Amino acid sequence: MSREDAVHSVNPELATDDAQRVQAYRAELVERIGRILPEDGSVEPLKGIRLFRCC
């Protein structure tokens, strides 16, 4: 059992908080990528980082 799992087993509210935080980060990432690449295509916002969108 990892330290994080042990902490969550003692305080399950932390697991819920962590899950909500991860979901918020994911939603923010989706929004930011959508602003950079609103339509099908590709973009290289930083050298070596390529984003592709299709369908």
C-alpha atoms as a PDB file:
ATOM      1  CA  MET A   1       0.000   0.000   0.000  1.00  0.00           C
ATOM      2  CA  SER A   2       1.372   3.386  -0.967  1.00  0.00           C
ATOM      3  CA  ARG A   3       1.550   6.268   1.457  1.00  0.00           C
ATOM      4  CA  GLU A   4      -1.205   8.025  -0.497  1.00  0.00           C
ATOM      5  CA  ASP A   5      -3.472   4.966  -0.240  1.00  0.00           C
ATOM      6  CA  ALA A   6      -2.807   4.790   3.490  1.00  0.00           C
ATOM      7  CA  VAL A   7      -3.739   8.450   3.938  1.00  0.00           C
ATOM      8  CA  HIS A   8      -6.920   7.960   1.893  1.00  0.00           C
ATOM      9  CA  SER A   9      -7.926   4.921   3.926  1.00  0.00           C
ATOM     10  CA  VAL A  10      -7.663   7.017   7.097  1.00  0.00           C
ATOM     11  CA  ASN A  11      -9.486  10.000   5.575  1.00  0.00           C
ATOM     12  CA  PRO A  12     -11.680   9.040   2.593  1.00  0.00           C
ATOM     13  CA  GLU A  13     -12.596  12.711   2.080  1.00  0.00           C
ATOM     14  CA  LEU A  14      -9.043  13.224   0.783  1.00  0.00           C
ATOM     15  CA  ALA A  15      -9.671  10.661  -1.941  1.00  0.00           C
ATOM     16  CA  THR A  16     -12.810  12.538  -2.971  1.00  0.00           C
ATOM     17  CA  ASP A  17     -10.950  15.858  -2.913  1.00  0.00           C
ATOM     18  CA  ASP A  18      -8.150  14.373  -5.020  1.00  0.00           C
ATOM     19  CA  ALA A  19     -10.611  12.936  -7.535  1.00  0.00           C
ATOM     20  CA  GLN A  20     -12.374  16.301  -7.847  1.00  0.00           C
ATOM     21  CA  ARG A  21      -9.035  18.068  -8.286  1.00  0.00           C
ATOM     22  CA  VAL A  22      -7.964  15.634 -11.008  1.00  0.00           C
ATOM     23  CA  GLN A  23     -11.301  16.119 -12.786  1.00  0.00           C
ATOM     24  CA  ALA A  24     -10.923  19.911 -12.607  1.00  0.00           C
ATOM     25  CA  TYR A  25      -7.368  19.705 -14.003  1.00  0.00           C
ATOM     26  CA  ARG A  26      -8.569  17.437 -16.802  1.00  0.00           C
ATOM     27  CA  ALA A  27     -11.414  19.815 -17.687  1.00  0.00           C
ATOM     28  CA  GLU A  28      -9.015  22.755 -17.748  1.00  0.00           C
ATOM     29  CA  LEU A  29      -6.614  20.855 -20.010  1.00  0.00           C
ATOM     30  CA  VAL A  30      -9.430  19.968 -22.428  1.00  0.00           C
ATOM     31  CA  GLU A  31     -10.524  23.617 -22.512  1.00  0.00           C
ATOM     32  CA  ARG A  32      -6.999  24.900 -23.157  1.00  0.00           C
ATOM     33  CA  ILE A  33      -6.354  22.371 -25.924  1.00  0.00           C
ATOM     34  CA  GLY A  34      -9.707  23.292 -27.471  1.00  0.00           C
ATOM     35  CA  ARG A  35      -8.675  26.953 -27.585  1.00  0.00           C
ATOM     36  CA  ILE A  36      -5.362  26.107 -29.247  1.00  0.00           C
ATOM     37  CA  LEU A  37      -6.901  23.672 -31.730  1.00  0.00           C
ATOM     38  CA  PRO A  38     -10.617  24.486 -32.202  1.00  0.00           C
ATOM     39  CA  GLU A  39     -10.968  22.572 -35.513  1.00  0.00           C
ATOM     40  CA  ASP A  40      -9.525  19.466 -37.131  1.00  0.00           C
ATOM     41  CA  GLY A  41      -5.843  19.820 -37.926  1.00  0.00           C
ATOM     42  CA  SER A  42      -2.541  19.986 -36.118  1.00  0.00           C
ATOM     43  CA  VAL A  43      -0.494  22.578 -34.291  1.00  0.00           C
ATOM     44  CA  GLU A  44       2.918  22.692 -32.633  1.00  0.00           C
ATOM     45  CA  PRO A  45       2.452  25.141 -29.719  1.00  0.00           C
ATOM     46  CA  LEU A  46       5.949  24.401 -28.418  1.00  0.00           C
ATOM     47  CA  LYS A  47       8.880  22.944 -30.296  1.00  0.00           C
ATOM     48  CA  GLY A  48       8.537  19.167 -30.170  1.00  0.00           C
ATOM     49  CA  ILE A  49       4.983  19.221 -28.776  1.00  0.00           C
ATOM     50  CA  ARG A  50       2.463  18.418 -31.489  1.00  0.00           C
ATOM     51  CA  LEU A  51      -1.282  18.305 -31.002  1.00  0.00           C
ATOM     52  CA  PHE A  52      -3.575  16.666 -33.537  1.00  0.00           C
ATOM     53  CA  ARG A  53      -7.345  16.788 -33.761  1.00  0.00           C
ATOM     54  CA  CYS A  54      -9.630  14.937 -36.111  1.00  0.00           C
ATOM     55  CA  CYS A  55     -13.223  13.845 -36.465  1.00  0.00           C
END
